[in-house]
Amino acid sequence: MSKKNNYRYVAYDAANGDYQEFETLKEAEDWLTEDDGEGISNEACCGQNYIAEIQYRSVVTTVDERSNYHVHTDECPEDCDEEEWPYNDDWDFIGKHSYEKIDWDKE
């Protein structure tokens, strides 16, 4: 389930309220300045645009899975007492959400 990406920087354009992720600092700078020929936004002039280096990444550790539980069917006896998935049916697993520090030298 782990999907890591190589994005190291996040650029925020305050004039548009938009952000984008980039692998390099140069890509982030280019994105923020690509429309400067048409005029520089007031937000950029006031220092409200920024580029941040991503320092932490979310990690989810699976605690329990739906596949560990019984699914009642029409073929179950009426007195079937096997344990069903005790959580919302929208979820296939329950997990713990935390963050890990990124060591960019090892990435």
N, C-alpha and C. Protein backbone atom coordinates (compact mmCIF):
# COMPACT_ATOMS: atom_id res chain seq x y z
N MET A 1 0.81 -1.19 0.00
CA MET A 1 0.00 0.00 0.00
C MET A 1 0.86 1.26 0.00
N SER A 2 2.13 1.12 0.22
CA SER A 2 3.02 2.28 0.30
C SER A 2 3.22 2.89 -1.09
N LYS A 3 2.92 4.17 -1.19
CA LYS A 3 3.13 4.90 -2.43
C LYS A 3 3.99 6.11 -2.11
N LYS A 4 5.28 5.97 -2.26
CA LYS A 4 6.17 7.10 -2.01
C LYS A 4 6.43 7.80 -3.33
N ASN A 5 6.60 9.10 -3.28
CA ASN A 5 6.94 9.85 -4.47
C ASN A 5 8.26 10.55 -4.24
N ASN A 6 8.77 11.16 -5.27
CA ASN A 6 10.05 11.85 -5.18
C ASN A 6 9.90 13.35 -5.00
N TYR A 7 8.70 13.81 -4.68
CA TYR A 7 8.49 15.24 -4.50
C TYR A 7 9.18 15.70 -3.22
N ARG A 8 10.05 16.68 -3.37
CA ARG A 8 10.79 17.19 -2.23
C ARG A 8 10.34 18.60 -1.82
N TYR A 9 9.72 19.30 -2.76
CA TYR A 9 9.34 20.69 -2.51
C TYR A 9 7.86 20.91 -2.79
N VAL A 10 7.27 21.84 -2.04
CA VAL A 10 5.91 22.28 -2.27
C VAL A 10 5.98 23.79 -2.50
N ALA A 11 5.40 24.23 -3.64
CA ALA A 11 5.34 25.66 -3.92
C ALA A 11 3.90 26.12 -3.77
N TYR A 12 3.72 27.28 -3.17
CA TYR A 12 2.38 27.84 -2.95
C TYR A 12 2.28 29.18 -3.66
N ASP A 13 1.27 29.32 -4.50
CA ASP A 13 1.00 30.56 -5.22
C ASP A 13 -0.20 31.23 -4.54
N ALA A 14 0.07 32.24 -3.75
CA ALA A 14 -0.98 32.88 -2.94
C ALA A 14 -2.02 33.59 -3.80
N ALA A 15 -1.65 34.10 -4.96
CA ALA A 15 -2.60 34.81 -5.81
C ALA A 15 -3.72 33.89 -6.28
N ASN A 16 -3.38 32.63 -6.52
CA ASN A 16 -4.36 31.67 -7.00
C ASN A 16 -4.85 30.71 -5.92
N GLY A 17 -4.21 30.76 -4.75
CA GLY A 17 -4.57 29.82 -3.68
C GLY A 17 -4.26 28.40 -4.09
N ASP A 18 -3.22 28.21 -4.90
CA ASP A 18 -2.89 26.91 -5.46
C ASP A 18 -1.50 26.48 -5.01
N TYR A 19 -1.30 25.18 -4.95
CA TYR A 19 0.03 24.67 -4.64
C TYR A 19 0.33 23.50 -5.57
N GLN A 20 1.60 23.20 -5.67
CA GLN A 20 2.03 22.06 -6.48
C GLN A 20 3.31 21.50 -5.88
N GLU A 21 3.53 20.20 -6.09
CA GLU A 21 4.72 19.53 -5.57
C GLU A 21 5.74 19.35 -6.70
N PHE A 22 7.01 19.42 -6.32
CA PHE A 22 8.09 19.33 -7.31
C PHE A 22 9.25 18.50 -6.78
N GLU A 23 9.99 17.92 -7.69
CA GLU A 23 11.18 17.15 -7.31
C GLU A 23 12.37 18.05 -7.06
N THR A 24 12.44 19.20 -7.76
CA THR A 24 13.59 20.08 -7.59
C THR A 24 13.15 21.49 -7.21
N LEU A 25 14.06 22.21 -6.58
CA LEU A 25 13.82 23.60 -6.20
C LEU A 25 13.63 24.45 -7.45
N LYS A 26 14.40 24.21 -8.48
CA LYS A 26 14.29 24.98 -9.73
C LYS A 26 12.92 24.83 -10.35
N GLU A 27 12.38 23.61 -10.38
CA GLU A 27 11.03 23.40 -10.92
C GLU A 27 10.00 24.22 -10.14
N ALA A 28 10.14 24.26 -8.83
CA ALA A 28 9.22 25.02 -7.99
C ALA A 28 9.33 26.51 -8.28
N GLU A 29 10.56 27.02 -8.38
CA GLU A 29 10.77 28.44 -8.69
C GLU A 29 10.20 28.78 -10.06
N ASP A 30 10.45 27.92 -11.05
CA ASP A 30 9.96 28.17 -12.40
C ASP A 30 8.43 28.23 -12.43
N TRP A 31 7.78 27.34 -11.69
CA TRP A 31 6.32 27.33 -11.65
C TRP A 31 5.77 28.63 -11.07
N LEU A 32 6.42 29.12 -10.01
CA LEU A 32 5.94 30.34 -9.37
C LEU A 32 6.21 31.60 -10.18
N THR A 33 7.20 31.55 -11.07
CA THR A 33 7.56 32.75 -11.82
C THR A 33 7.17 32.68 -13.29
N GLU A 34 6.53 31.61 -13.75
CA GLU A 34 6.25 31.43 -15.17
C GLU A 34 5.35 32.52 -15.76
N ASP A 35 4.50 33.15 -14.97
CA ASP A 35 3.60 34.18 -15.49
C ASP A 35 4.09 35.59 -15.18
N ASP A 36 5.31 35.74 -14.73
CA ASP A 36 5.81 37.07 -14.35
C ASP A 36 5.84 38.05 -15.51
N GLY A 37 5.92 37.58 -16.75
CA GLY A 37 5.93 38.48 -17.90
C GLY A 37 4.65 39.27 -18.03
N GLU A 38 3.56 38.73 -17.47
CA GLU A 38 2.26 39.39 -17.53
C GLU A 38 2.04 40.29 -16.31
N GLY A 39 3.03 40.41 -15.48
CA GLY A 39 2.93 41.20 -14.25
C GLY A 39 3.09 40.29 -13.05
N ILE A 40 3.68 40.81 -12.03
CA ILE A 40 3.92 40.04 -10.81
C ILE A 40 2.77 40.32 -9.84
N SER A 41 2.22 39.26 -9.29
CA SER A 41 1.06 39.42 -8.41
C SER A 41 1.43 40.22 -7.16
N ASN A 42 0.43 40.89 -6.62
CA ASN A 42 0.60 41.65 -5.38
C ASN A 42 1.03 40.71 -4.25
N GLU A 43 0.48 39.49 -4.25
CA GLU A 43 0.83 38.51 -3.21
C GLU A 43 2.32 38.17 -3.27
N ALA A 44 2.85 37.99 -4.49
CA ALA A 44 4.29 37.71 -4.63
C ALA A 44 5.11 38.90 -4.15
N CYS A 45 4.66 40.10 -4.49
CA CYS A 45 5.37 41.32 -4.06
C CYS A 45 5.40 41.44 -2.54
N CYS A 46 4.38 40.92 -1.89
CA CYS A 46 4.28 41.01 -0.42
C CYS A 46 4.89 39.79 0.28
N GLY A 47 5.55 38.91 -0.46
CA GLY A 47 6.22 37.75 0.14
C GLY A 47 5.29 36.64 0.58
N GLN A 48 4.10 36.55 -0.03
CA GLN A 48 3.14 35.54 0.39
C GLN A 48 3.26 34.22 -0.37
N ASN A 49 4.01 34.18 -1.45
CA ASN A 49 4.30 32.90 -2.13
C ASN A 49 5.44 32.24 -1.38
N TYR A 50 5.47 30.94 -1.40
CA TYR A 50 6.60 30.27 -0.75
C TYR A 50 6.89 28.92 -1.37
N ILE A 51 8.10 28.46 -1.07
CA ILE A 51 8.54 27.11 -1.43
C ILE A 51 9.00 26.47 -0.13
N ALA A 52 8.47 25.30 0.16
CA ALA A 52 8.84 24.59 1.38
C ALA A 52 9.43 23.23 1.02
N GLU A 53 10.42 22.83 1.79
CA GLU A 53 10.97 21.49 1.62
C GLU A 53 10.18 20.53 2.50
N ILE A 54 9.74 19.45 1.92
CA ILE A 54 8.95 18.46 2.66
C ILE A 54 9.87 17.75 3.65
N GLN A 55 9.48 17.71 4.92
CA GLN A 55 10.31 17.14 5.97
C GLN A 55 9.77 15.83 6.52
N TYR A 56 8.46 15.63 6.45
CA TYR A 56 7.84 14.43 7.01
C TYR A 56 6.86 13.85 6.01
N ARG A 57 6.69 12.54 6.06
CA ARG A 57 5.79 11.82 5.16
C ARG A 57 4.85 10.97 6.01
N SER A 58 3.59 10.93 5.59
CA SER A 58 2.61 10.14 6.33
C SER A 58 2.88 8.65 6.14
N VAL A 59 2.62 7.89 7.20
CA VAL A 59 2.79 6.45 7.21
C VAL A 59 1.55 5.85 7.87
N VAL A 60 0.98 4.82 7.26
CA VAL A 60 -0.15 4.13 7.86
C VAL A 60 0.26 2.69 8.11
N THR A 61 0.11 2.26 9.35
CA THR A 61 0.39 0.89 9.75
C THR A 61 -0.94 0.18 9.94
N THR A 62 -1.13 -0.93 9.25
CA THR A 62 -2.38 -1.68 9.36
C THR A 62 -2.47 -2.35 10.72
N VAL A 63 -3.61 -2.14 11.38
CA VAL A 63 -3.86 -2.73 12.69
C VAL A 63 -4.75 -3.96 12.56
N ASP A 64 -5.74 -3.89 11.68
CA ASP A 64 -6.67 -5.01 11.49
C ASP A 64 -7.24 -4.93 10.08
N GLU A 65 -7.60 -6.10 9.52
CA GLU A 65 -8.14 -6.15 8.16
C GLU A 65 -9.47 -6.89 8.14
N ARG A 66 -10.32 -6.46 7.24
CA ARG A 66 -11.63 -7.09 7.10
C ARG A 66 -11.48 -8.59 6.78
N SER A 67 -10.45 -8.96 6.07
CA SER A 67 -10.25 -10.37 5.69
C SER A 67 -10.03 -11.28 6.90
N ASN A 68 -9.78 -10.72 8.08
CA ASN A 68 -9.61 -11.50 9.30
C ASN A 68 -10.95 -11.88 9.94
N TYR A 69 -12.06 -11.44 9.32
CA TYR A 69 -13.37 -11.63 9.92
C TYR A 69 -14.30 -12.44 9.01
N HIS A 70 -15.31 -12.97 9.62
CA HIS A 70 -16.33 -13.76 8.94
C HIS A 70 -17.29 -12.84 8.19
N VAL A 71 -17.78 -13.31 7.04
CA VAL A 71 -18.81 -12.59 6.30
C VAL A 71 -20.04 -13.48 6.29
N HIS A 72 -21.12 -12.99 6.89
CA HIS A 72 -22.36 -13.76 6.92
C HIS A 72 -22.97 -13.85 5.53
N THR A 73 -23.43 -15.04 5.18
CA THR A 73 -24.11 -15.27 3.91
C THR A 73 -25.41 -16.01 4.18
N ASP A 74 -26.18 -16.25 3.13
CA ASP A 74 -27.43 -17.01 3.26
C ASP A 74 -27.17 -18.45 3.69
N GLU A 75 -25.95 -18.90 3.50
CA GLU A 75 -25.61 -20.28 3.84
C GLU A 75 -25.19 -20.45 5.30
N CYS A 76 -25.09 -19.36 6.03
CA CYS A 76 -24.74 -19.45 7.45
C CYS A 76 -25.96 -19.97 8.22
N PRO A 77 -25.73 -20.77 9.23
CA PRO A 77 -26.86 -21.19 10.07
C PRO A 77 -27.42 -19.98 10.82
N GLU A 78 -28.67 -20.08 11.23
CA GLU A 78 -29.32 -18.95 11.91
C GLU A 78 -28.62 -18.58 13.21
N ASP A 79 -28.01 -19.54 13.86
CA ASP A 79 -27.33 -19.26 15.12
C ASP A 79 -25.83 -19.01 14.94
N CYS A 80 -25.43 -18.63 13.73
CA CYS A 80 -24.01 -18.36 13.44
C CYS A 80 -23.53 -17.23 14.36
N ASP A 81 -22.47 -17.51 15.11
CA ASP A 81 -21.97 -16.49 16.03
C ASP A 81 -20.52 -16.09 15.73
N GLU A 82 -20.07 -16.36 14.51
CA GLU A 82 -18.71 -15.95 14.15
C GLU A 82 -18.64 -14.43 14.07
N GLU A 83 -17.50 -13.92 14.47
CA GLU A 83 -17.35 -12.47 14.56
C GLU A 83 -17.26 -11.82 13.19
N GLU A 84 -18.11 -10.81 12.99
CA GLU A 84 -18.09 -10.04 11.75
C GLU A 84 -17.19 -8.82 11.91
N TRP A 85 -16.87 -8.19 10.79
CA TRP A 85 -16.08 -6.96 10.77
C TRP A 85 -16.78 -5.92 11.65
N PRO A 86 -16.14 -5.49 12.74
CA PRO A 86 -16.81 -4.60 13.70
C PRO A 86 -16.77 -3.12 13.32
N TYR A 87 -16.21 -2.80 12.15
CA TYR A 87 -16.05 -1.40 11.75
C TYR A 87 -16.95 -1.09 10.56
N ASN A 88 -16.95 0.13 10.16
CA ASN A 88 -17.75 0.59 9.03
C ASN A 88 -17.44 -0.23 7.78
N ASP A 89 -18.47 -0.59 7.04
CA ASP A 89 -18.30 -1.40 5.83
C ASP A 89 -17.56 -0.67 4.72
N ASP A 90 -17.39 0.62 4.84
CA ASP A 90 -16.65 1.38 3.83
C ASP A 90 -15.15 1.12 3.90
N TRP A 91 -14.67 0.51 4.99
CA TRP A 91 -13.24 0.33 5.19
C TRP A 91 -12.84 -1.13 5.09
N ASP A 92 -11.72 -1.40 4.41
CA ASP A 92 -11.19 -2.75 4.31
C ASP A 92 -10.11 -3.01 5.35
N PHE A 93 -9.64 -1.96 6.00
CA PHE A 93 -8.65 -2.12 7.05
C PHE A 93 -8.77 -0.96 8.04
N ILE A 94 -8.22 -1.17 9.23
CA ILE A 94 -8.11 -0.15 10.25
C ILE A 94 -6.61 0.03 10.49
N GLY A 95 -6.18 1.28 10.62
CA GLY A 95 -4.75 1.50 10.77
C GLY A 95 -4.42 2.63 11.73
N LYS A 96 -3.13 2.79 11.93
CA LYS A 96 -2.60 3.87 12.75
C LYS A 96 -1.88 4.83 11.81
N HIS A 97 -2.20 6.11 11.91
CA HIS A 97 -1.66 7.13 11.03
C HIS A 97 -0.60 7.92 11.80
N SER A 98 0.62 7.99 11.24
CA SER A 98 1.70 8.74 11.87
C SER A 98 2.57 9.36 10.79
N TYR A 99 3.65 10.00 11.19
CA TYR A 99 4.56 10.65 10.24
C TYR A 99 5.99 10.27 10.53
N GLU A 100 6.76 10.09 9.44
CA GLU A 100 8.18 9.76 9.60
C GLU A 100 9.03 10.86 8.97
N LYS A 101 10.15 11.16 9.59
CA LYS A 101 11.09 12.15 9.07
C LYS A 101 11.74 11.59 7.81
N ILE A 102 11.86 12.41 6.80
CA ILE A 102 12.48 11.99 5.54
C ILE A 102 13.97 12.30 5.60
N ASP A 103 14.78 11.32 5.27
CA ASP A 103 16.22 11.51 5.15
C ASP A 103 16.50 11.61 3.65
N TRP A 104 16.55 12.83 3.12
CA TRP A 104 16.70 13.02 1.68
C TRP A 104 18.03 12.48 1.16
N ASP A 105 19.02 12.36 2.02
CA ASP A 105 20.30 11.80 1.58
C ASP A 105 20.19 10.32 1.25
N LYS A 106 19.21 9.63 1.83
CA LYS A 106 19.03 8.20 1.60
C LYS A 106 17.95 7.91 0.56
N GLU A 107 17.19 8.92 0.17
CA GLU A 107 16.09 8.71 -0.79
C GLU A 107 16.62 8.48 -2.18
